[in-house]
Amino acid sequence: MASLKLKRVYEAPEASDGTRILVDRLWPRGIAKDKAGIDLWLKDIAPSDALRKRFHGKPEDWEAFCAAYAEELEGEAARAAATELRVHLKKGAVTLLYAARDESHNNAVALKAWLELNGRGG
């Protein structure tokens, strides 16, 4: 199985990143599109704006966020994006990129856990 890594979008791209996929709904502040090293932007796999705003800055609500996000991932657009992500995982290494400062509590961490629970390979 190909590796699945997480990285802040502000960190420099590395050859070992493989396919670099941005999993945030909003484009990260201060990052020029031509310098970001992003291969794919899967907006539809990101949490909704409402969920993102409700959770922002509340790591104590992590479990509730993960549960609500998992529900959103069952939606049609998110499922299609997850299928596309799994296609890239079958081809090789993938790095999920996120902008959040909290490296332990963010949508990429929740998404990786969800993918591992629900089968990365599809």
Protein backbone atom coordinates (compact mmCIF):
# COMPACT_ATOMS: atom_id res chain seq x y z
CA MET A 1 0.00 0.00 0.00
CA ALA A 2 1.33 3.43 -0.92
CA SER A 3 2.26 5.78 1.86
CA LEU A 4 -0.16 8.43 3.04
CA LYS A 5 1.48 11.40 4.76
CA LEU A 6 0.28 14.68 6.19
CA LYS A 7 2.05 18.00 5.82
CA ARG A 8 1.34 21.67 6.33
CA VAL A 9 1.06 23.33 2.94
CA TYR A 10 3.58 25.92 4.14
CA GLU A 11 6.35 23.28 4.38
CA ALA A 12 8.61 22.88 1.35
CA PRO A 13 7.69 20.17 -1.15
CA GLU A 14 9.92 17.07 -1.13
CA ALA A 15 10.32 14.35 -3.74
CA SER A 16 9.09 11.78 -1.18
CA ASP A 17 5.73 13.59 -0.94
CA GLY A 18 4.44 11.88 -4.05
CA THR A 19 1.15 13.38 -5.19
CA ARG A 20 0.48 16.51 -3.13
CA ILE A 21 -3.25 16.97 -2.51
CA LEU A 22 -4.72 20.03 -0.78
CA VAL A 23 -7.69 18.93 1.34
CA ASP A 24 -8.84 22.35 2.58
CA ARG A 25 -11.93 24.12 1.26
CA LEU A 26 -10.17 27.51 1.22
CA TRP A 27 -6.92 28.30 -0.56
CA PRO A 28 -4.20 28.81 2.09
CA ARG A 29 -3.24 32.40 2.86
CA GLY A 30 0.05 33.66 1.51
CA ILE A 31 0.66 30.75 -0.87
CA ALA A 32 1.08 31.49 -4.56
CA LYS A 33 -0.56 28.83 -6.72
CA ASP A 34 2.49 28.54 -8.97
CA LYS A 35 4.84 27.96 -6.01
CA ALA A 36 2.65 25.75 -3.84
CA GLY A 37 3.64 22.43 -5.39
CA ILE A 38 0.03 21.24 -5.21
CA ASP A 39 -0.89 18.55 -7.70
CA LEU A 40 -4.59 18.41 -6.88
CA TRP A 41 -7.04 20.46 -4.83
CA LEU A 42 -9.92 18.36 -3.51
CA LYS A 43 -12.24 21.01 -2.08
CA ASP A 44 -15.16 18.58 -1.95
CA ILE A 45 -13.39 16.32 0.55
CA ALA A 46 -12.89 19.21 2.99
CA PRO A 47 -15.29 19.91 5.87
CA SER A 48 -18.14 22.31 5.13
CA ASP A 49 -17.66 25.96 6.03
CA ALA A 50 -20.24 25.55 8.81
CA LEU A 51 -18.38 22.61 10.36
CA ARG A 52 -15.01 24.31 9.98
CA LYS A 53 -16.26 27.46 11.71
CA ARG A 54 -17.98 25.53 14.49
CA PHE A 55 -14.80 23.59 15.30
CA HIS A 56 -12.15 26.28 14.69
CA GLY A 57 -9.97 26.78 17.77
CA LYS A 58 -11.75 24.12 19.85
CA PRO A 59 -9.49 21.07 20.12
CA GLU A 60 -11.61 19.88 23.06
CA ASP A 61 -14.39 19.20 20.52
CA TRP A 62 -12.14 16.95 18.41
CA GLU A 63 -14.25 13.79 18.73
CA ALA A 64 -17.44 15.66 17.82
CA PHE A 65 -15.68 17.23 14.84
CA CYS A 66 -14.44 13.85 13.60
CA ALA A 67 -17.93 12.35 13.88
CA ALA A 68 -19.57 15.28 12.06
CA TYR A 69 -16.87 15.26 9.39
CA ALA A 70 -17.28 11.50 8.85
CA GLU A 71 -20.98 12.14 8.22
CA GLU A 72 -20.13 14.83 5.67
CA LEU A 73 -17.74 12.42 3.94
CA GLU A 74 -20.73 10.22 3.12
CA GLY A 75 -22.18 12.96 0.88
CA GLU A 76 -22.10 12.51 -2.89
CA ALA A 77 -19.44 15.14 -3.69
CA ALA A 78 -17.19 14.01 -0.83
CA ARG A 79 -17.51 10.36 -1.88
CA ALA A 80 -16.49 11.26 -5.43
CA ALA A 81 -13.47 13.18 -4.10
CA ALA A 82 -12.55 10.24 -1.82
CA THR A 83 -12.69 7.91 -4.84
CA GLU A 84 -10.31 10.23 -6.72
CA LEU A 85 -7.99 10.32 -3.71
CA ARG A 86 -7.98 6.51 -3.52
CA VAL A 87 -7.02 6.32 -7.22
CA HIS A 88 -3.92 8.39 -6.44
CA LEU A 89 -3.12 6.19 -3.43
CA LYS A 90 -3.17 3.11 -5.66
CA LYS A 91 -0.59 4.77 -7.94
CA GLY A 92 1.90 5.78 -5.25
CA ALA A 93 2.70 7.99 -2.29
CA VAL A 94 0.23 10.76 -1.39
CA THR A 95 0.67 13.72 0.93
CA LEU A 96 -2.46 15.41 2.25
CA LEU A 97 -1.81 19.13 2.58
CA TYR A 98 -3.55 21.39 5.09
CA ALA A 99 -3.10 24.96 6.30
CA ALA A 100 -4.11 24.62 9.96
CA ARG A 101 -1.52 25.49 12.62
CA ASP A 102 -2.64 22.66 14.91
CA GLU A 103 -0.85 19.63 13.51
CA SER A 104 -2.79 17.16 15.69
CA HIS A 105 -6.34 18.48 15.29
CA ASN A 106 -7.18 19.33 11.69
CA ASN A 107 -9.26 17.95 8.84
CA ALA A 108 -6.29 16.18 7.21
CA VAL A 109 -5.67 14.18 10.42
CA ALA A 110 -9.38 13.31 10.60
CA LEU A 111 -9.46 12.43 6.90
CA LYS A 112 -6.43 10.14 7.16
CA ALA A 113 -8.06 8.33 10.12
CA TRP A 114 -11.32 8.05 8.16
CA LEU A 115 -9.51 6.64 5.12
CA GLU A 116 -7.70 4.07 7.26
CA LEU A 117 -10.96 3.06 8.93
CA ASN A 118 -12.89 2.90 5.65
CA GLY A 119 -10.24 1.30 3.50
CA ARG A 120 -7.72 3.44 1.67
CA GLY A 121 -7.78 1.23 -1.36
CA GLY A 122 -11.48 1.75 -2.04
